[in-house]
N, C-alpha and C. Protein backbone atom coordinates (compact mmCIF):
# COMPACT_ATOMS: atom_id res chain seq x y z
N UNK A 1 14.07 -8.41 -9.99
CA UNK A 1 12.71 -8.13 -9.87
C UNK A 1 12.48 -6.82 -9.22
N UNK A 2 11.99 -5.87 -9.99
CA UNK A 2 11.63 -4.49 -9.43
C UNK A 2 10.33 -4.51 -8.70
N UNK A 3 10.35 -4.42 -7.46
CA UNK A 3 9.00 -4.51 -6.72
C UNK A 3 8.54 -3.09 -6.36
N UNK A 4 7.17 -3.07 -6.25
CA UNK A 4 6.47 -1.89 -5.95
C UNK A 4 5.46 -2.14 -4.81
N UNK A 5 5.28 -1.16 -3.98
CA UNK A 5 4.27 -1.32 -2.90
C UNK A 5 3.14 -0.52 -3.47
N UNK A 6 2.03 -1.16 -3.75
CA UNK A 6 0.85 -0.42 -4.43
C UNK A 6 -0.46 -0.89 -3.93
N UNK A 7 -1.57 -0.36 -4.46
CA UNK A 7 -2.83 -0.65 -3.96
C UNK A 7 -3.41 -1.73 -5.01
N UNK A 8 -4.16 -2.55 -4.40
CA UNK A 8 -4.91 -3.59 -5.17
C UNK A 8 -6.39 -3.44 -4.80
N UNK A 9 -7.15 -3.29 -5.97
CA UNK A 9 -8.56 -2.96 -5.77
C UNK A 9 -9.35 -4.18 -5.47
N UNK A 10 -10.22 -4.20 -4.36
CA UNK A 10 -11.04 -5.30 -4.19
C UNK A 10 -12.50 -4.76 -3.77
N UNK A 11 -13.46 -5.67 -3.64
CA UNK A 11 -14.81 -5.12 -3.29
C UNK A 11 -15.66 -5.06 -4.48
N UNK A 12 -16.99 -4.82 -4.21
CA UNK A 12 -18.02 -4.73 -5.34
C UNK A 12 -17.86 -3.39 -6.18
N UNK A 13 -18.65 -3.47 -7.25
CA UNK A 13 -18.61 -2.27 -8.13
C UNK A 13 -19.25 -1.09 -7.37
N UNK A 14 -18.50 -0.06 -7.27
CA UNK A 14 -19.04 1.18 -6.64
C UNK A 14 -18.71 1.07 -5.12
N UNK A 15 -18.20 0.06 -4.56
CA UNK A 15 -17.90 -0.10 -3.07
C UNK A 15 -16.49 -0.68 -2.95
N UNK A 16 -15.54 -0.07 -3.52
CA UNK A 16 -14.16 -0.43 -3.59
C UNK A 16 -13.45 -0.20 -2.29
N UNK A 17 -12.64 -1.16 -1.90
CA UNK A 17 -11.58 -0.82 -0.82
C UNK A 17 -10.26 -1.48 -1.42
N UNK A 18 -9.24 -1.17 -0.71
CA UNK A 18 -7.92 -1.50 -1.32
C UNK A 18 -6.98 -2.35 -0.44
N UNK A 19 -6.34 -3.21 -0.82
CA UNK A 19 -5.30 -3.90 -0.06
C UNK A 19 -3.96 -3.27 -0.50
N UNK A 20 -3.01 -3.13 0.43
CA UNK A 20 -1.74 -2.62 0.09
C UNK A 20 -0.88 -3.80 0.04
N UNK A 21 -0.20 -3.99 -1.26
CA UNK A 21 0.40 -5.21 -1.63
C UNK A 21 1.88 -4.83 -2.14
N UNK A 22 2.76 -5.83 -2.08
CA UNK A 22 4.01 -5.79 -2.81
C UNK A 22 3.94 -6.63 -3.91
N UNK A 23 4.20 -6.01 -5.10
CA UNK A 23 4.10 -6.80 -6.34
C UNK A 23 5.27 -6.37 -7.33
N UNK A 24 5.58 -7.35 -8.31
CA UNK A 24 6.42 -7.02 -9.39
C UNK A 24 5.84 -5.90 -10.18
N UNK A 25 6.60 -4.90 -10.66
CA UNK A 25 5.90 -3.70 -11.36
C UNK A 25 5.47 -4.09 -12.68
N UNK A 26 5.85 -5.35 -13.25
CA UNK A 26 5.27 -5.75 -14.46
C UNK A 26 3.98 -6.28 -14.56
N UNK A 27 3.51 -6.68 -13.37
CA UNK A 27 2.12 -7.45 -13.26
C UNK A 27 1.06 -6.34 -13.22
N UNK A 28 -0.11 -6.84 -13.65
CA UNK A 28 -1.37 -5.84 -13.60
C UNK A 28 -1.78 -5.50 -12.20
N UNK A 29 -2.46 -4.41 -12.09
CA UNK A 29 -2.96 -3.87 -10.80
C UNK A 29 -3.58 -4.90 -9.86
N UNK A 30 -4.48 -5.66 -10.39
CA UNK A 30 -5.11 -6.63 -9.53
C UNK A 30 -4.55 -8.13 -9.78
N UNK A 31 -3.38 -8.19 -10.29
CA UNK A 31 -2.84 -9.39 -10.72
C UNK A 31 -2.05 -10.06 -9.51
N UNK A 32 -1.03 -10.84 -9.91
CA UNK A 32 -0.18 -11.57 -8.98
C UNK A 32 0.52 -10.52 -8.00
N UNK A 33 0.78 -10.96 -6.85
CA UNK A 33 1.61 -10.22 -5.86
C UNK A 33 2.30 -11.04 -4.94
N UNK A 34 3.35 -10.35 -4.29
CA UNK A 34 4.20 -11.14 -3.38
C UNK A 34 3.73 -11.17 -1.98
N UNK A 35 3.31 -10.05 -1.43
CA UNK A 35 2.82 -10.00 0.08
C UNK A 35 1.75 -8.93 0.11
N UNK A 36 0.90 -9.18 1.14
CA UNK A 36 -0.12 -8.19 1.48
C UNK A 36 0.45 -7.61 2.86
N UNK A 37 0.52 -6.15 2.90
CA UNK A 37 1.01 -5.66 4.08
C UNK A 37 0.12 -4.69 4.78
N UNK A 38 -1.27 -4.66 4.26
CA UNK A 38 -2.25 -3.82 4.90
C UNK A 38 -3.43 -3.62 4.01
N UNK A 39 -4.30 -2.79 4.47
CA UNK A 39 -5.49 -2.40 3.76
C UNK A 39 -5.92 -0.97 3.98
N UNK A 40 -6.71 -0.41 3.12
CA UNK A 40 -7.16 0.96 3.09
C UNK A 40 -8.59 0.94 2.66
N UNK A 41 -9.53 1.72 3.44
CA UNK A 41 -10.91 1.78 3.07
C UNK A 41 -11.19 3.24 3.04
N UNK A 42 -11.29 3.85 1.74
CA UNK A 42 -11.64 5.24 1.75
C UNK A 42 -13.05 5.64 1.86
N UNK A 43 -13.96 4.53 1.86
CA UNK A 43 -15.29 4.77 2.04
C UNK A 43 -15.77 5.04 3.43
N UNK A 44 -15.08 4.54 4.49
CA UNK A 44 -15.49 4.70 5.79
C UNK A 44 -15.17 6.21 6.22
N UNK A 45 -15.81 6.65 7.29
CA UNK A 45 -15.63 8.05 7.82
C UNK A 45 -15.11 7.94 9.17
N UNK A 46 -13.86 8.40 9.50
CA UNK A 46 -12.79 8.72 8.46
C UNK A 46 -12.28 7.49 7.88
N UNK A 47 -11.47 7.71 6.72
CA UNK A 47 -10.90 6.54 6.00
C UNK A 47 -9.95 5.76 7.01
N UNK A 48 -10.15 4.42 6.85
CA UNK A 48 -9.24 3.50 7.73
C UNK A 48 -8.10 3.09 6.95
N UNK A 49 -6.95 3.06 7.65
CA UNK A 49 -5.58 2.62 7.16
C UNK A 49 -5.10 1.63 8.12
N UNK A 50 -4.84 0.44 7.75
CA UNK A 50 -4.18 -0.55 8.64
C UNK A 50 -2.90 -1.01 7.90
N UNK A 51 -1.70 -0.83 8.38
CA UNK A 51 -0.50 -1.24 7.70
C UNK A 51 0.22 -2.02 8.85
N UNK A 52 0.91 -3.12 8.38
CA UNK A 52 1.88 -3.85 9.20
C UNK A 52 3.26 -3.11 9.02
N UNK A 53 3.58 -2.32 10.06
CA UNK A 53 4.78 -1.44 9.87
C UNK A 53 5.96 -2.14 9.69
N UNK A 54 6.19 -3.30 10.37
CA UNK A 54 7.43 -4.00 10.34
C UNK A 54 7.57 -4.60 8.95
N UNK A 55 6.57 -5.00 8.36
CA UNK A 55 6.70 -5.61 6.96
C UNK A 55 6.98 -4.54 6.01
N UNK A 56 6.34 -3.42 6.19
CA UNK A 56 6.46 -2.30 5.26
C UNK A 56 7.88 -1.82 5.26
N UNK A 57 8.46 -1.64 6.48
CA UNK A 57 9.77 -1.17 6.59
C UNK A 57 10.77 -2.20 6.00
N UNK A 58 10.49 -3.47 6.22
CA UNK A 58 11.48 -4.45 5.74
C UNK A 58 11.39 -4.50 4.19
N UNK A 59 10.25 -4.30 3.51
CA UNK A 59 10.17 -4.23 2.14
C UNK A 59 10.75 -3.01 1.51
N UNK A 60 10.71 -1.90 2.28
CA UNK A 60 11.34 -0.64 1.87
C UNK A 60 12.93 -0.78 1.96
N UNK A 61 13.39 -1.43 2.94
CA UNK A 61 14.81 -1.76 3.09
C UNK A 61 15.32 -2.63 1.93
N UNK A 62 14.49 -3.45 1.47
CA UNK A 62 14.84 -4.39 0.44
C UNK A 62 14.81 -3.78 -0.98
N UNK A 63 14.35 -2.46 -1.05
CA UNK A 63 14.37 -1.72 -2.30
C UNK A 63 13.01 -1.54 -2.90
N UNK A 64 11.95 -2.00 -2.30
CA UNK A 64 10.59 -1.78 -2.90
C UNK A 64 10.22 -0.22 -2.94
N UNK A 65 9.70 0.10 -4.00
CA UNK A 65 9.34 1.57 -4.22
C UNK A 65 7.87 1.70 -4.01
N UNK A 66 7.42 2.53 -3.19
CA UNK A 66 5.94 2.77 -3.07
C UNK A 66 5.46 3.72 -4.13
N UNK A 67 4.24 3.54 -4.58
CA UNK A 67 3.58 4.46 -5.46
C UNK A 67 3.28 5.80 -4.65
N UNK A 68 2.86 6.84 -5.38
CA UNK A 68 2.77 8.11 -4.77
C UNK A 68 1.64 7.99 -3.68
N UNK A 69 0.55 7.36 -4.09
CA UNK A 69 -0.65 7.19 -3.28
C UNK A 69 -0.28 6.27 -1.98
N UNK A 70 0.47 5.22 -2.12
CA UNK A 70 0.85 4.48 -0.96
C UNK A 70 1.88 5.17 -0.14
N UNK A 71 2.72 5.95 -0.73
CA UNK A 71 3.68 6.71 -0.02
C UNK A 71 2.92 7.75 0.99
N UNK A 72 1.96 8.36 0.51
CA UNK A 72 1.13 9.26 1.40
C UNK A 72 0.37 8.55 2.45
N UNK A 73 -0.13 7.35 2.13
CA UNK A 73 -0.81 6.39 3.14
C UNK A 73 0.16 5.98 4.20
N UNK A 74 1.42 5.62 3.76
CA UNK A 74 2.30 5.19 4.82
C UNK A 74 2.74 6.29 5.73
N UNK A 75 2.88 7.58 5.18
CA UNK A 75 3.07 8.71 6.07
C UNK A 75 1.95 8.85 7.06
N UNK A 76 0.68 8.74 6.56
CA UNK A 76 -0.44 8.95 7.55
C UNK A 76 -0.42 7.83 8.52
N UNK A 77 -0.01 6.66 8.21
CA UNK A 77 -0.04 5.47 9.07
C UNK A 77 1.30 5.62 10.11
N UNK A 78 2.17 6.52 9.84
CA UNK A 78 3.35 6.69 10.57
C UNK A 78 4.52 5.72 10.26
N UNK A 79 4.42 5.05 9.24
CA UNK A 79 5.50 4.14 8.83
C UNK A 79 6.63 4.98 8.16
N UNK A 80 6.42 6.00 7.36
CA UNK A 80 7.46 6.84 6.83
C UNK A 80 7.49 8.12 7.59
N UNK A 81 8.52 8.79 7.60
CA UNK A 81 8.69 10.04 8.30
C UNK A 81 8.01 11.17 7.56
N UNK A 82 7.38 12.06 8.13
CA UNK A 82 6.67 13.14 7.55
C UNK A 82 7.70 14.12 7.07
N UNK A 83 7.40 14.80 5.98
CA UNK A 83 8.32 15.87 5.50
C UNK A 83 8.55 16.97 6.51
N UNK A 84 9.80 17.42 6.51
CA UNK A 84 9.91 18.51 7.47
C UNK A 84 9.35 19.80 6.98
N UNK A 85 8.79 20.64 7.90
CA UNK A 85 7.99 21.78 7.51
C UNK A 85 8.94 22.91 7.11
């Protein structure tokens, strides 16, 4: 099972926020998932990011691949190391 760490859209039309979930890459965006490890609200000022760092690192060690967007969110949350300058 190839797992991905990705965003799952929730909320009303026009007022979306996202959950950061671990899911099989074959499942649809808002479909079945394995675990929820955080959430992201882009509509708040500033945008809020809450991630369970221990769970995120554990899934990364197990081989879960984050999407590009989630990778940048994990860097902002301090879970992944920032790129060297």
